[in-house]
Amino acid sequence: MFAVTVLFRIREGQMQAFMPLMIDNAQTSLKEEPGCSRFDVCTDPARPGEVFLYEIYDTGDAFKTHLETTHFKTFDTQVAGMIAEKTVQTYAQVAA
C-alpha cells in the first residue's frame, strides 16, 4: 500500500472552476487505474481555499503511473494557474 496526500491552496475566486476538474480527475483515476484503490477529495468550510486529497495506490509504481496518465496531465495543465500552493507527501506502508 502506498498513500499520497496533497494539500492545495486555491487562488481566490478559482474554487468553483477547480472543483469539477478535481472531482473528474479523482473519478477517472479510480475508474481507469487498476493500481488506484482510493481517491478522496476533501474540503473544510472553515478553510474555503483548501482542498485535501487522500489517495491510496497498490504500490509506489502505481502512483508513478498515475502521474503519467493522459487524464492527470490534462488536469495538471488545466489547474496550474488556479493553484497558489501545492504540497504532496507520500507514505509507504510499514507493516500489514
N, C-alpha and C. Protein backbone atom coordinates (compact mmCIF):
# COMPACT_ATOMS: atom_id res chain seq x y z
N MET A 1 0.84 -1.17 0.00
CA MET A 1 0.00 0.00 0.00
C MET A 1 0.89 1.24 0.00
N PHE A 2 0.48 2.22 -0.78
CA PHE A 2 1.22 3.46 -0.91
C PHE A 2 0.22 4.61 -0.82
N ALA A 3 0.38 5.47 0.17
CA ALA A 3 -0.56 6.58 0.39
C ALA A 3 0.05 7.89 -0.09
N VAL A 4 -0.82 8.73 -0.62
CA VAL A 4 -0.42 10.05 -1.10
C VAL A 4 -1.40 11.07 -0.51
N THR A 5 -0.86 12.14 0.05
CA THR A 5 -1.71 13.25 0.47
C THR A 5 -1.27 14.49 -0.31
N VAL A 6 -2.24 15.28 -0.67
CA VAL A 6 -1.97 16.52 -1.39
C VAL A 6 -2.81 17.61 -0.74
N LEU A 7 -2.18 18.73 -0.46
CA LEU A 7 -2.89 19.90 0.04
C LEU A 7 -2.74 21.02 -0.98
N PHE A 8 -3.87 21.43 -1.54
CA PHE A 8 -3.90 22.54 -2.47
C PHE A 8 -4.39 23.78 -1.74
N ARG A 9 -3.77 24.90 -2.01
CA ARG A 9 -4.31 26.20 -1.63
C ARG A 9 -4.69 26.85 -2.97
N ILE A 10 -5.98 27.08 -3.11
CA ILE A 10 -6.52 27.55 -4.38
C ILE A 10 -6.57 29.08 -4.39
N ARG A 11 -6.21 29.66 -5.52
CA ARG A 11 -6.25 31.13 -5.65
C ARG A 11 -7.69 31.62 -5.47
N GLU A 12 -7.80 32.78 -4.87
CA GLU A 12 -9.11 33.38 -4.62
C GLU A 12 -9.91 33.47 -5.92
N GLY A 13 -11.16 33.06 -5.84
CA GLY A 13 -12.05 33.11 -6.99
C GLY A 13 -11.94 31.94 -7.94
N GLN A 14 -11.08 30.96 -7.65
CA GLN A 14 -10.85 29.84 -8.57
C GLN A 14 -11.48 28.51 -8.12
N MET A 15 -12.02 28.46 -6.90
CA MET A 15 -12.52 27.18 -6.38
C MET A 15 -13.65 26.60 -7.24
N GLN A 16 -14.54 27.43 -7.70
CA GLN A 16 -15.67 26.95 -8.50
C GLN A 16 -15.20 26.30 -9.81
N ALA A 17 -14.16 26.81 -10.40
CA ALA A 17 -13.60 26.22 -11.62
C ALA A 17 -12.74 25.00 -11.31
N PHE A 18 -12.05 25.03 -10.17
CA PHE A 18 -11.13 23.96 -9.81
C PHE A 18 -11.84 22.66 -9.45
N MET A 19 -12.90 22.75 -8.63
CA MET A 19 -13.50 21.54 -8.07
C MET A 19 -14.04 20.54 -9.11
N PRO A 20 -14.77 20.95 -10.14
CA PRO A 20 -15.22 19.95 -11.12
C PRO A 20 -14.06 19.22 -11.81
N LEU A 21 -12.99 19.94 -12.07
CA LEU A 21 -11.81 19.32 -12.69
C LEU A 21 -11.16 18.33 -11.73
N MET A 22 -11.10 18.71 -10.45
CA MET A 22 -10.51 17.84 -9.44
C MET A 22 -11.33 16.57 -9.26
N ILE A 23 -12.63 16.73 -9.17
CA ILE A 23 -13.50 15.57 -8.99
C ILE A 23 -13.44 14.64 -10.20
N ASP A 24 -13.39 15.20 -11.39
CA ASP A 24 -13.27 14.37 -12.59
C ASP A 24 -11.96 13.60 -12.60
N ASN A 25 -10.88 14.25 -12.19
CA ASN A 25 -9.58 13.57 -12.12
C ASN A 25 -9.64 12.41 -11.13
N ALA A 26 -10.24 12.63 -9.98
CA ALA A 26 -10.35 11.58 -8.97
C ALA A 26 -11.18 10.41 -9.48
N GLN A 27 -12.34 10.70 -10.06
CA GLN A 27 -13.22 9.63 -10.55
C GLN A 27 -12.57 8.85 -11.68
N THR A 28 -11.88 9.54 -12.58
CA THR A 28 -11.21 8.86 -13.69
C THR A 28 -10.07 7.98 -13.17
N SER A 29 -9.34 8.47 -12.17
CA SER A 29 -8.26 7.67 -11.59
C SER A 29 -8.80 6.37 -11.02
N LEU A 30 -9.89 6.45 -10.28
CA LEU A 30 -10.49 5.25 -9.68
C LEU A 30 -11.02 4.30 -10.74
N LYS A 31 -11.61 4.85 -11.79
CA LYS A 31 -12.23 4.02 -12.82
C LYS A 31 -11.21 3.38 -13.77
N GLU A 32 -10.15 4.13 -14.11
CA GLU A 32 -9.26 3.68 -15.19
C GLU A 32 -7.90 3.16 -14.73
N GLU A 33 -7.56 3.37 -13.46
CA GLU A 33 -6.25 2.95 -12.99
C GLU A 33 -6.40 1.78 -12.01
N PRO A 34 -6.03 0.57 -12.45
CA PRO A 34 -6.19 -0.59 -11.57
C PRO A 34 -5.40 -0.48 -10.26
N GLY A 35 -4.32 0.28 -10.24
CA GLY A 35 -3.49 0.40 -9.04
C GLY A 35 -3.97 1.46 -8.07
N CYS A 36 -5.05 2.18 -8.41
CA CYS A 36 -5.59 3.23 -7.54
C CYS A 36 -6.85 2.69 -6.87
N SER A 37 -6.81 2.56 -5.54
CA SER A 37 -7.97 1.99 -4.84
C SER A 37 -8.77 3.02 -4.05
N ARG A 38 -8.22 4.20 -3.85
CA ARG A 38 -8.95 5.25 -3.12
C ARG A 38 -8.44 6.61 -3.58
N PHE A 39 -9.38 7.54 -3.74
CA PHE A 39 -9.02 8.89 -4.15
C PHE A 39 -10.09 9.82 -3.59
N ASP A 40 -9.87 10.30 -2.38
CA ASP A 40 -10.82 11.16 -1.71
C ASP A 40 -10.45 12.62 -1.93
N VAL A 41 -11.45 13.43 -2.24
CA VAL A 41 -11.30 14.87 -2.39
C VAL A 41 -12.06 15.50 -1.22
N CYS A 42 -11.36 16.25 -0.37
CA CYS A 42 -11.95 16.77 0.87
C CYS A 42 -11.76 18.28 0.99
N THR A 43 -12.76 18.91 1.60
CA THR A 43 -12.68 20.33 1.92
C THR A 43 -13.21 20.55 3.34
N ASP A 44 -12.96 21.72 3.88
CA ASP A 44 -13.46 22.11 5.19
C ASP A 44 -14.00 23.53 5.07
N PRO A 45 -15.27 23.75 5.39
CA PRO A 45 -15.82 25.10 5.27
C PRO A 45 -15.04 26.16 6.06
N ALA A 46 -14.34 25.73 7.10
CA ALA A 46 -13.54 26.68 7.89
C ALA A 46 -12.31 27.16 7.13
N ARG A 47 -11.92 26.42 6.08
CA ARG A 47 -10.77 26.79 5.26
C ARG A 47 -11.19 26.71 3.79
N PRO A 48 -11.97 27.69 3.31
CA PRO A 48 -12.59 27.60 1.99
C PRO A 48 -11.62 27.59 0.81
N GLY A 49 -10.39 27.94 0.99
CA GLY A 49 -9.43 27.95 -0.10
C GLY A 49 -8.55 26.71 -0.16
N GLU A 50 -8.87 25.70 0.64
CA GLU A 50 -8.05 24.49 0.68
C GLU A 50 -8.81 23.28 0.13
N VAL A 51 -8.06 22.41 -0.53
CA VAL A 51 -8.56 21.11 -0.96
C VAL A 51 -7.52 20.08 -0.56
N PHE A 52 -7.98 19.04 0.13
CA PHE A 52 -7.10 17.98 0.61
C PHE A 52 -7.43 16.69 -0.12
N LEU A 53 -6.41 16.03 -0.64
CA LEU A 53 -6.58 14.73 -1.30
C LEU A 53 -5.95 13.64 -0.46
N TYR A 54 -6.63 12.50 -0.42
CA TYR A 54 -6.10 11.29 0.21
C TYR A 54 -6.23 10.18 -0.82
N GLU A 55 -5.09 9.68 -1.28
CA GLU A 55 -5.07 8.69 -2.35
C GLU A 55 -4.35 7.43 -1.88
N ILE A 56 -4.87 6.28 -2.26
CA ILE A 56 -4.23 5.00 -1.95
C ILE A 56 -3.96 4.26 -3.25
N TYR A 57 -2.71 3.84 -3.41
CA TYR A 57 -2.28 3.05 -4.57
C TYR A 57 -1.72 1.73 -4.08
N ASP A 58 -1.74 0.73 -4.94
CA ASP A 58 -1.19 -0.57 -4.58
C ASP A 58 0.30 -0.48 -4.28
N THR A 59 1.00 0.33 -5.07
CA THR A 59 2.46 0.47 -4.94
C THR A 59 2.88 1.88 -5.33
N GLY A 60 4.11 2.20 -5.01
CA GLY A 60 4.67 3.47 -5.46
C GLY A 60 4.71 3.56 -6.97
N ASP A 61 4.96 2.45 -7.63
CA ASP A 61 4.96 2.45 -9.10
C ASP A 61 3.59 2.76 -9.67
N ALA A 62 2.53 2.31 -8.99
CA ALA A 62 1.17 2.63 -9.45
C ALA A 62 0.93 4.14 -9.37
N PHE A 63 1.48 4.78 -8.35
CA PHE A 63 1.36 6.24 -8.26
C PHE A 63 2.16 6.92 -9.38
N LYS A 64 3.35 6.42 -9.64
CA LYS A 64 4.14 6.98 -10.75
C LYS A 64 3.39 6.84 -12.07
N THR A 65 2.72 5.71 -12.26
CA THR A 65 1.92 5.51 -13.47
C THR A 65 0.80 6.53 -13.53
N HIS A 66 0.16 6.80 -12.38
CA HIS A 66 -0.91 7.82 -12.32
C HIS A 66 -0.40 9.17 -12.85
N LEU A 67 0.80 9.55 -12.44
CA LEU A 67 1.36 10.84 -12.85
C LEU A 67 1.62 10.93 -14.34
N GLU A 68 1.68 9.79 -15.02
CA GLU A 68 1.95 9.76 -16.46
C GLU A 68 0.69 9.58 -17.31
N THR A 69 -0.47 9.43 -16.67
CA THR A 69 -1.69 9.24 -17.44
C THR A 69 -2.09 10.52 -18.17
N THR A 70 -2.78 10.35 -19.27
CA THR A 70 -3.25 11.49 -20.04
C THR A 70 -4.21 12.33 -19.21
N HIS A 71 -5.12 11.68 -18.48
CA HIS A 71 -6.11 12.46 -17.73
C HIS A 71 -5.46 13.28 -16.62
N PHE A 72 -4.40 12.74 -15.96
CA PHE A 72 -3.73 13.53 -14.93
C PHE A 72 -2.97 14.71 -15.56
N LYS A 73 -2.26 14.46 -16.64
CA LYS A 73 -1.51 15.53 -17.29
C LYS A 73 -2.43 16.65 -17.78
N THR A 74 -3.60 16.27 -18.29
CA THR A 74 -4.58 17.27 -18.73
C THR A 74 -5.08 18.08 -17.55
N PHE A 75 -5.45 17.39 -16.47
CA PHE A 75 -5.90 18.06 -15.25
C PHE A 75 -4.82 19.02 -14.74
N ASP A 76 -3.60 18.54 -14.65
CA ASP A 76 -2.50 19.33 -14.11
C ASP A 76 -2.30 20.62 -14.91
N THR A 77 -2.41 20.52 -16.21
CA THR A 77 -2.28 21.70 -17.07
C THR A 77 -3.45 22.66 -16.88
N GLN A 78 -4.66 22.10 -16.81
CA GLN A 78 -5.86 22.94 -16.67
C GLN A 78 -5.88 23.74 -15.38
N VAL A 79 -5.38 23.16 -14.28
CA VAL A 79 -5.50 23.82 -12.97
C VAL A 79 -4.25 24.59 -12.55
N ALA A 80 -3.20 24.52 -13.32
CA ALA A 80 -1.92 25.13 -12.92
C ALA A 80 -2.08 26.59 -12.47
N GLY A 81 -2.83 27.38 -13.19
CA GLY A 81 -2.99 28.79 -12.85
C GLY A 81 -3.96 29.04 -11.71
N MET A 82 -4.67 28.01 -11.27
CA MET A 82 -5.65 28.14 -10.19
C MET A 82 -5.04 27.88 -8.81
N ILE A 83 -3.83 27.33 -8.80
CA ILE A 83 -3.23 26.86 -7.55
C ILE A 83 -2.21 27.86 -7.04
N ALA A 84 -2.39 28.29 -5.79
CA ALA A 84 -1.42 29.19 -5.15
C ALA A 84 -0.28 28.39 -4.54
N GLU A 85 -0.61 27.19 -4.03
CA GLU A 85 0.40 26.35 -3.36
C GLU A 85 -0.08 24.90 -3.40
N LYS A 86 0.88 23.99 -3.54
CA LYS A 86 0.56 22.55 -3.58
C LYS A 86 1.64 21.81 -2.80
N THR A 87 1.21 21.00 -1.84
CA THR A 87 2.13 20.19 -1.04
C THR A 87 1.76 18.73 -1.20
N VAL A 88 2.70 17.92 -1.67
CA VAL A 88 2.49 16.49 -1.87
C VAL A 88 3.37 15.73 -0.89
N GLN A 89 2.76 14.75 -0.21
CA GLN A 89 3.53 13.87 0.67
C GLN A 89 3.15 12.43 0.36
N THR A 90 4.13 11.55 0.44
CA THR A 90 3.88 10.13 0.16
C THR A 90 4.32 9.28 1.35
N TYR A 91 3.64 8.15 1.48
CA TYR A 91 3.90 7.25 2.61
C TYR A 91 3.82 5.81 2.13
N ALA A 92 4.84 5.02 2.44
CA ALA A 92 4.82 3.60 2.15
C ALA A 92 4.40 2.85 3.41
N GLN A 93 3.60 1.82 3.22
CA GLN A 93 3.14 1.02 4.35
C GLN A 93 4.32 0.32 5.02
N VAL A 94 4.37 0.37 6.34
CA VAL A 94 5.46 -0.24 7.10
C VAL A 94 5.16 -1.71 7.36
N ALA A 95 3.94 -2.02 7.80
CA ALA A 95 3.57 -3.40 8.10
C ALA A 95 2.11 -3.60 7.76
N ALA A 96 1.78 -4.83 7.43
CA ALA A 96 0.37 -5.15 7.09
C ALA A 96 -0.45 -5.38 8.33
